[in-house]
Amino acid sequence: MAIDPQDLADEFTNDPTARGYATPVANGDVTTLLALVNEPLPSNATPVDTLPTSEVINAFDLDEYAALSAGNRAKIDFVTKTETMIVRGGAVRDILIAAFPNGTATFDAIGAIVNQDASRAFALFGENASKTDVRAALLVINSP
């Protein structure tokens, strides 16, 4: 889905977060604008709904996993059989928290991947901008 050119043009023109768009806009520098608007920033941390299961498994502390009760291990083994996991809300989240409560290394590691740094474009539009999006925004800015 393409980003609305007028909305991206407004971002570049107004630069509400002081990203430094003015010079690349004046120079028509698509590459620099693309890099600026798509750069992941901690201030734009965005919770994700789903993650690849392998990424969640890689966050497990092996000692904590080995120490799980038989019941919790069975639940974890069950929910990790899919390619992706819904980690925000729902039963999978509840199973993960029951197995790895707050204060465990696994809880902290999963929390870090669930809240991922996002770009300014992603924070505004739900996706990163493409070169085509930036070019279209520049056309809006430079049209009479």
N, C-alpha and C. Protein backbone atom coordinates (compact mmCIF):
# COMPACT_ATOMS: atom_id res chain seq x y z
N MET A 1 0.84 -1.18 0.00
CA MET A 1 0.00 0.00 0.00
C MET A 1 0.89 1.25 0.00
N ALA A 2 0.63 2.14 -0.91
CA ALA A 2 1.43 3.36 -1.01
C ALA A 2 0.99 4.38 0.05
N ILE A 3 1.95 5.15 0.48
CA ILE A 3 1.70 6.23 1.43
C ILE A 3 1.14 7.42 0.65
N ASP A 4 0.17 8.10 1.22
CA ASP A 4 -0.42 9.26 0.56
C ASP A 4 0.66 10.32 0.35
N PRO A 5 0.88 10.74 -0.90
CA PRO A 5 1.96 11.71 -1.18
C PRO A 5 1.81 13.03 -0.43
N GLN A 6 0.58 13.49 -0.27
CA GLN A 6 0.36 14.76 0.44
C GLN A 6 0.76 14.63 1.91
N ASP A 7 0.42 13.51 2.51
CA ASP A 7 0.77 13.30 3.92
C ASP A 7 2.29 13.25 4.12
N LEU A 8 2.99 12.56 3.22
CA LEU A 8 4.44 12.50 3.32
C LEU A 8 5.06 13.86 3.01
N ALA A 9 4.49 14.57 2.05
CA ALA A 9 4.97 15.92 1.73
C ALA A 9 4.81 16.84 2.95
N ASP A 10 3.69 16.71 3.65
CA ASP A 10 3.47 17.50 4.87
C ASP A 10 4.53 17.18 5.93
N GLU A 11 4.86 15.90 6.07
CA GLU A 11 5.91 15.49 7.02
C GLU A 11 7.22 16.15 6.65
N PHE A 12 7.59 16.09 5.37
CA PHE A 12 8.86 16.67 4.93
C PHE A 12 8.87 18.19 5.07
N THR A 13 7.77 18.83 4.76
CA THR A 13 7.70 20.30 4.81
C THR A 13 7.67 20.83 6.23
N ASN A 14 6.88 20.20 7.08
CA ASN A 14 6.71 20.68 8.46
C ASN A 14 7.80 20.17 9.40
N ASP A 15 8.35 19.02 9.13
CA ASP A 15 9.42 18.39 9.92
C ASP A 15 9.15 18.53 11.43
N PRO A 16 8.00 17.97 11.89
CA PRO A 16 7.61 18.18 13.29
C PRO A 16 8.55 17.56 14.32
N THR A 17 9.37 16.59 13.92
CA THR A 17 10.29 15.97 14.88
C THR A 17 11.74 16.36 14.60
N ALA A 18 11.94 17.42 13.82
CA ALA A 18 13.28 17.97 13.52
C ALA A 18 14.23 16.89 13.00
N ARG A 19 13.79 16.16 11.99
CA ARG A 19 14.61 15.11 11.39
C ARG A 19 15.65 15.69 10.43
N GLY A 20 15.46 16.93 10.00
CA GLY A 20 16.43 17.54 9.10
C GLY A 20 16.11 17.33 7.63
N TYR A 21 14.84 17.43 7.28
CA TYR A 21 14.41 17.20 5.91
C TYR A 21 14.69 18.38 4.96
N ALA A 22 14.86 19.59 5.47
CA ALA A 22 14.88 20.79 4.63
C ALA A 22 15.91 20.73 3.50
N THR A 23 17.16 20.44 3.80
CA THR A 23 18.19 20.42 2.76
C THR A 23 17.95 19.33 1.73
N PRO A 24 17.66 18.07 2.14
CA PRO A 24 17.40 17.07 1.11
C PRO A 24 16.14 17.38 0.29
N VAL A 25 15.14 18.02 0.89
CA VAL A 25 13.96 18.41 0.11
C VAL A 25 14.38 19.44 -0.93
N ALA A 26 15.14 20.46 -0.50
CA ALA A 26 15.58 21.52 -1.43
C ALA A 26 16.44 20.95 -2.56
N ASN A 27 17.22 19.90 -2.26
CA ASN A 27 18.09 19.29 -3.27
C ASN A 27 17.42 18.16 -4.03
N GLY A 28 16.19 17.81 -3.66
CA GLY A 28 15.52 16.69 -4.31
C GLY A 28 16.24 15.37 -4.05
N ASP A 29 16.86 15.23 -2.89
CA ASP A 29 17.68 14.07 -2.55
C ASP A 29 16.80 12.94 -1.99
N VAL A 30 16.33 12.10 -2.89
CA VAL A 30 15.44 11.00 -2.53
C VAL A 30 16.11 10.03 -1.56
N THR A 31 17.36 9.70 -1.81
CA THR A 31 18.08 8.71 -0.99
C THR A 31 18.18 9.17 0.46
N THR A 32 18.56 10.43 0.68
CA THR A 32 18.69 10.93 2.04
C THR A 32 17.33 11.03 2.73
N LEU A 33 16.32 11.50 2.02
CA LEU A 33 14.98 11.57 2.61
C LEU A 33 14.48 10.18 2.99
N LEU A 34 14.72 9.22 2.13
CA LEU A 34 14.30 7.86 2.40
C LEU A 34 14.99 7.32 3.66
N ALA A 35 16.28 7.57 3.77
CA ALA A 35 17.03 7.13 4.95
C ALA A 35 16.52 7.81 6.22
N LEU A 36 16.25 9.11 6.15
CA LEU A 36 15.79 9.84 7.33
C LEU A 36 14.41 9.37 7.80
N VAL A 37 13.49 9.22 6.88
CA VAL A 37 12.12 8.88 7.27
C VAL A 37 11.99 7.40 7.65
N ASN A 38 12.92 6.56 7.19
CA ASN A 38 12.85 5.12 7.50
C ASN A 38 13.82 4.67 8.60
N GLU A 39 14.59 5.60 9.16
CA GLU A 39 15.54 5.24 10.21
C GLU A 39 14.80 4.82 11.48
N PRO A 40 15.04 3.61 11.99
CA PRO A 40 14.39 3.19 13.25
C PRO A 40 14.86 4.04 14.42
N LEU A 41 13.92 4.48 15.23
CA LEU A 41 14.23 5.34 16.36
C LEU A 41 13.59 4.78 17.63
N PRO A 42 14.35 4.74 18.73
CA PRO A 42 13.76 4.26 19.99
C PRO A 42 12.55 5.07 20.43
N SER A 43 12.51 6.36 20.07
CA SER A 43 11.39 7.20 20.48
C SER A 43 10.10 6.80 19.77
N ASN A 44 10.21 5.99 18.72
CA ASN A 44 9.03 5.51 17.99
C ASN A 44 8.76 4.04 18.28
N ALA A 45 9.21 3.53 19.44
CA ALA A 45 9.00 2.11 19.75
C ALA A 45 7.54 1.75 19.55
N THR A 46 7.33 0.70 18.79
CA THR A 46 5.99 0.28 18.41
C THR A 46 5.78 -1.18 18.80
N PRO A 47 4.72 -1.47 19.53
CA PRO A 47 4.47 -2.87 19.87
C PRO A 47 4.05 -3.65 18.62
N VAL A 48 4.56 -4.85 18.48
CA VAL A 48 4.18 -5.70 17.36
C VAL A 48 3.14 -6.71 17.84
N ASP A 49 2.30 -7.15 16.93
CA ASP A 49 1.26 -8.12 17.26
C ASP A 49 1.75 -9.54 17.10
N THR A 50 2.56 -9.78 16.07
CA THR A 50 3.05 -11.13 15.81
C THR A 50 4.56 -11.10 15.62
N LEU A 51 5.18 -12.22 15.92
CA LEU A 51 6.62 -12.39 15.72
C LEU A 51 6.88 -13.77 15.15
N PRO A 52 7.95 -13.92 14.39
CA PRO A 52 8.34 -15.28 13.99
C PRO A 52 8.61 -16.09 15.26
N THR A 53 8.11 -17.30 15.28
CA THR A 53 8.30 -18.15 16.46
C THR A 53 9.77 -18.34 16.79
N SER A 54 10.60 -18.44 15.75
CA SER A 54 12.04 -18.63 15.99
C SER A 54 12.63 -17.46 16.78
N GLU A 55 12.12 -16.25 16.54
CA GLU A 55 12.62 -15.08 17.26
C GLU A 55 12.24 -15.16 18.74
N VAL A 56 11.04 -15.64 19.01
CA VAL A 56 10.60 -15.79 20.40
C VAL A 56 11.43 -16.88 21.09
N ILE A 57 11.61 -18.01 20.41
CA ILE A 57 12.38 -19.11 20.99
C ILE A 57 13.82 -18.66 21.28
N ASN A 58 14.40 -17.88 20.38
CA ASN A 58 15.76 -17.39 20.60
C ASN A 58 15.86 -16.48 21.81
N ALA A 59 14.74 -15.94 22.26
CA ALA A 59 14.73 -15.07 23.45
C ALA A 59 14.69 -15.88 24.75
N PHE A 60 14.41 -17.17 24.65
CA PHE A 60 14.33 -17.99 25.86
C PHE A 60 15.70 -18.11 26.52
N ASP A 61 15.74 -17.92 27.82
CA ASP A 61 16.92 -18.24 28.61
C ASP A 61 16.91 -19.76 28.79
N LEU A 62 17.96 -20.44 28.38
CA LEU A 62 17.98 -21.90 28.39
C LEU A 62 17.81 -22.49 29.80
N ASP A 63 18.41 -21.85 30.79
CA ASP A 63 18.26 -22.33 32.16
C ASP A 63 16.82 -22.18 32.64
N GLU A 64 16.19 -21.06 32.28
CA GLU A 64 14.79 -20.85 32.67
C GLU A 64 13.88 -21.86 31.96
N TYR A 65 14.15 -22.11 30.69
CA TYR A 65 13.36 -23.10 29.95
C TYR A 65 13.53 -24.49 30.58
N ALA A 66 14.75 -24.86 30.91
CA ALA A 66 15.02 -26.18 31.51
C ALA A 66 14.32 -26.33 32.85
N ALA A 67 14.12 -25.22 33.56
CA ALA A 67 13.52 -25.26 34.89
C ALA A 67 11.99 -25.22 34.86
N LEU A 68 11.38 -25.12 33.68
CA LEU A 68 9.92 -25.05 33.60
C LEU A 68 9.28 -26.31 34.16
N SER A 69 8.10 -26.13 34.75
CA SER A 69 7.32 -27.28 35.17
C SER A 69 6.88 -28.05 33.93
N ALA A 70 6.51 -29.30 34.11
CA ALA A 70 6.06 -30.12 32.97
C ALA A 70 4.86 -29.47 32.28
N GLY A 71 3.95 -28.91 33.06
CA GLY A 71 2.77 -28.27 32.48
C GLY A 71 3.12 -27.05 31.65
N ASN A 72 3.98 -26.18 32.20
CA ASN A 72 4.38 -24.99 31.44
C ASN A 72 5.19 -25.36 30.20
N ARG A 73 6.06 -26.37 30.33
CA ARG A 73 6.85 -26.78 29.17
C ARG A 73 5.95 -27.33 28.06
N ALA A 74 4.94 -28.10 28.43
CA ALA A 74 4.01 -28.64 27.44
C ALA A 74 3.28 -27.51 26.71
N LYS A 75 2.86 -26.48 27.47
CA LYS A 75 2.17 -25.34 26.85
C LYS A 75 3.12 -24.58 25.92
N ILE A 76 4.35 -24.34 26.36
CA ILE A 76 5.33 -23.63 25.53
C ILE A 76 5.63 -24.45 24.27
N ASP A 77 5.82 -25.76 24.43
CA ASP A 77 6.09 -26.62 23.27
C ASP A 77 4.92 -26.58 22.29
N PHE A 78 3.69 -26.50 22.80
CA PHE A 78 2.51 -26.45 21.94
C PHE A 78 2.46 -25.14 21.15
N VAL A 79 2.65 -24.01 21.81
CA VAL A 79 2.49 -22.72 21.12
C VAL A 79 3.67 -22.39 20.21
N THR A 80 4.77 -23.11 20.34
CA THR A 80 5.93 -22.83 19.48
C THR A 80 5.95 -23.74 18.24
N LYS A 81 4.86 -24.42 17.95
CA LYS A 81 4.80 -25.29 16.76
C LYS A 81 4.39 -24.53 15.50
N THR A 82 3.98 -23.29 15.64
CA THR A 82 3.58 -22.50 14.47
C THR A 82 4.74 -21.63 13.99
N GLU A 83 4.64 -21.12 12.77
CA GLU A 83 5.71 -20.26 12.24
C GLU A 83 5.71 -18.88 12.86
N THR A 84 4.53 -18.39 13.23
CA THR A 84 4.42 -17.07 13.86
C THR A 84 3.61 -17.21 15.14
N MET A 85 3.85 -16.26 16.04
CA MET A 85 3.13 -16.25 17.31
C MET A 85 2.48 -14.89 17.51
N ILE A 86 1.23 -14.91 17.97
CA ILE A 86 0.55 -13.67 18.35
C ILE A 86 1.02 -13.37 19.77
N VAL A 87 1.81 -12.33 19.93
CA VAL A 87 2.43 -12.06 21.23
C VAL A 87 1.78 -10.89 21.98
N ARG A 88 0.81 -10.28 21.37
CA ARG A 88 0.16 -9.14 22.01
C ARG A 88 -1.28 -9.49 22.32
N GLY A 89 -1.55 -9.76 23.57
CA GLY A 89 -2.89 -10.17 23.96
C GLY A 89 -3.12 -11.64 23.66
N GLY A 90 -4.17 -12.20 24.22
CA GLY A 90 -4.55 -13.56 23.90
C GLY A 90 -3.85 -14.63 24.71
N ALA A 91 -4.17 -15.88 24.36
CA ALA A 91 -3.71 -17.03 25.12
C ALA A 91 -2.20 -17.23 25.05
N VAL A 92 -1.59 -17.00 23.88
CA VAL A 92 -0.15 -17.20 23.76
C VAL A 92 0.60 -16.28 24.71
N ARG A 93 0.20 -15.04 24.76
CA ARG A 93 0.83 -14.08 25.68
C ARG A 93 0.68 -14.57 27.12
N ASP A 94 -0.52 -15.03 27.47
CA ASP A 94 -0.77 -15.51 28.83
C ASP A 94 0.10 -16.72 29.16
N ILE A 95 0.28 -17.62 28.19
CA ILE A 95 1.12 -18.81 28.40
C ILE A 95 2.58 -18.39 28.61
N LEU A 96 3.04 -17.45 27.79
CA LEU A 96 4.43 -16.98 27.92
C LEU A 96 4.66 -16.33 29.29
N ILE A 97 3.71 -15.51 29.72
CA ILE A 97 3.87 -14.82 31.01
C ILE A 97 3.79 -15.81 32.17
N ALA A 98 2.93 -16.82 32.06
CA ALA A 98 2.85 -17.83 33.13
C ALA A 98 4.15 -18.61 33.24
N ALA A 99 4.76 -18.91 32.09
CA ALA A 99 6.00 -19.69 32.09
C ALA A 99 7.20 -18.83 32.47
N PHE A 100 7.21 -17.60 31.98
CA PHE A 100 8.35 -16.70 32.20
C PHE A 100 7.84 -15.38 32.77
N PRO A 101 7.56 -15.33 34.07
CA PRO A 101 6.97 -14.12 34.67
C PRO A 101 7.95 -12.94 34.71
N ASN A 102 7.39 -11.78 35.02
CA ASN A 102 8.20 -10.57 35.17
C ASN A 102 9.34 -10.84 36.14
N GLY A 103 10.51 -10.36 35.78
CA GLY A 103 11.69 -10.56 36.61
C GLY A 103 12.60 -11.65 36.07
N THR A 104 12.12 -12.39 35.07
CA THR A 104 12.98 -13.41 34.46
C THR A 104 13.69 -12.82 33.24
N ALA A 105 14.81 -13.39 32.89
CA ALA A 105 15.56 -12.92 31.72
C ALA A 105 14.74 -13.10 30.45
N THR A 106 13.99 -14.19 30.37
CA THR A 106 13.17 -14.44 29.18
C THR A 106 12.06 -13.40 29.04
N PHE A 107 11.43 -13.05 30.15
CA PHE A 107 10.39 -12.02 30.12
C PHE A 107 10.96 -10.72 29.55
N ASP A 108 12.14 -10.33 30.04
CA ASP A 108 12.77 -9.09 29.58
C ASP A 108 13.16 -9.18 28.10
N ALA A 109 13.68 -10.33 27.68
CA ALA A 109 14.12 -10.49 26.29
C ALA A 109 12.92 -10.46 25.34
N ILE A 110 11.85 -11.11 25.70
CA ILE A 110 10.65 -11.08 24.85
C ILE A 110 10.06 -9.68 24.83
N GLY A 111 10.06 -9.01 25.98
CA GLY A 111 9.58 -7.62 26.02
C GLY A 111 10.35 -6.72 25.08
N ALA A 112 11.65 -6.94 24.97
CA ALA A 112 12.48 -6.11 24.10
C ALA A 112 12.15 -6.32 22.63
N ILE A 113 11.82 -7.55 22.23
CA ILE A 113 11.51 -7.77 20.81
C ILE A 113 10.06 -7.45 20.47
N VAL A 114 9.20 -7.44 21.48
CA VAL A 114 7.80 -7.10 21.23
C VAL A 114 7.65 -5.60 20.98
N ASN A 115 8.47 -4.79 21.64
CA ASN A 115 8.45 -3.34 21.42
C ASN A 115 9.67 -2.97 20.59
N GLN A 116 9.48 -2.94 19.28
CA GLN A 116 10.60 -2.71 18.38
C GLN A 116 10.66 -1.25 17.97
N ASP A 117 11.91 -0.77 17.81
CA ASP A 117 12.09 0.60 17.31
C ASP A 117 11.48 0.69 15.92
N ALA A 118 10.78 1.77 15.68
CA ALA A 118 10.13 1.96 14.39
C ALA A 118 10.58 3.28 13.77
N SER A 119 10.48 3.35 12.49
CA SER A 119 10.84 4.58 11.78
C SER A 119 9.74 5.61 11.93
N ARG A 120 10.05 6.83 11.57
CA ARG A 120 9.05 7.90 11.56
C ARG A 120 7.93 7.53 10.58
N ALA A 121 8.29 7.00 9.41
CA ALA A 121 7.28 6.59 8.43
C ALA A 121 6.37 5.52 9.02
N PHE A 122 6.96 4.52 9.68
CA PHE A 122 6.15 3.45 10.25
C PHE A 122 5.23 3.99 11.35
N ALA A 123 5.74 4.88 12.17
CA ALA A 123 4.93 5.46 13.24
C ALA A 123 3.74 6.25 12.68
N LEU A 124 3.96 6.93 11.54
CA LEU A 124 2.89 7.73 10.93
C LEU A 124 1.94 6.92 10.07
N PHE A 125 2.51 6.02 9.25
CA PHE A 125 1.74 5.39 8.19
C PHE A 125 1.59 3.88 8.32
N GLY A 126 2.24 3.27 9.31
CA GLY A 126 2.14 1.83 9.48
C GLY A 126 3.02 1.02 8.54
N GLU A 127 3.89 1.70 7.82
CA GLU A 127 4.83 1.04 6.91
C GLU A 127 5.97 2.01 6.61
N ASN A 128 7.09 1.47 6.17
CA ASN A 128 8.20 2.32 5.75
C ASN A 128 7.92 2.88 4.36
N ALA A 129 8.50 4.03 4.09
CA ALA A 129 8.33 4.67 2.79
C ALA A 129 9.22 3.99 1.76
N SER A 130 8.80 4.07 0.51
CA SER A 130 9.59 3.57 -0.61
C SER A 130 10.14 4.76 -1.39
N LYS A 131 11.06 4.51 -2.31
CA LYS A 131 11.57 5.59 -3.17
C LYS A 131 10.42 6.22 -3.95
N THR A 132 9.49 5.39 -4.39
CA THR A 132 8.33 5.91 -5.13
C THR A 132 7.51 6.86 -4.25
N ASP A 133 7.32 6.52 -2.98
CA ASP A 133 6.59 7.39 -2.05
C ASP A 133 7.29 8.74 -1.90
N VAL A 134 8.62 8.70 -1.73
CA VAL A 134 9.39 9.93 -1.54
C VAL A 134 9.35 10.78 -2.81
N ARG A 135 9.51 10.16 -3.96
CA ARG A 135 9.44 10.91 -5.23
C ARG A 135 8.07 11.58 -5.40
N ALA A 136 7.01 10.84 -5.06
CA ALA A 136 5.66 11.40 -5.18
C ALA A 136 5.48 12.57 -4.23
N ALA A 137 6.03 12.48 -3.01
CA ALA A 137 5.93 13.58 -2.06
C ALA A 137 6.69 14.80 -2.56
N LEU A 138 7.86 14.58 -3.16
CA LEU A 138 8.63 15.70 -3.72
C LEU A 138 7.88 16.37 -4.86
N LEU A 139 7.17 15.59 -5.65
CA LEU A 139 6.36 16.18 -6.73
C LEU A 139 5.25 17.07 -6.15
N VAL A 140 4.65 16.63 -5.05
CA VAL A 140 3.61 17.45 -4.40
C VAL A 140 4.25 18.75 -3.89
N ILE A 141 5.41 18.64 -3.26
CA ILE A 141 6.07 19.82 -2.70
C ILE A 141 6.45 20.81 -3.80
N ASN A 142 6.92 20.28 -4.91
CA ASN A 142 7.42 21.15 -5.99
C ASN A 142 6.38 21.53 -7.02
N SER A 143 5.14 21.10 -6.85
CA SER A 143 4.10 21.49 -7.80
C SER A 143 3.55 22.86 -7.42
N PRO A 144 3.17 23.63 -8.43
CA PRO A 144 2.68 25.00 -8.15
C PRO A 144 1.36 25.04 -7.43
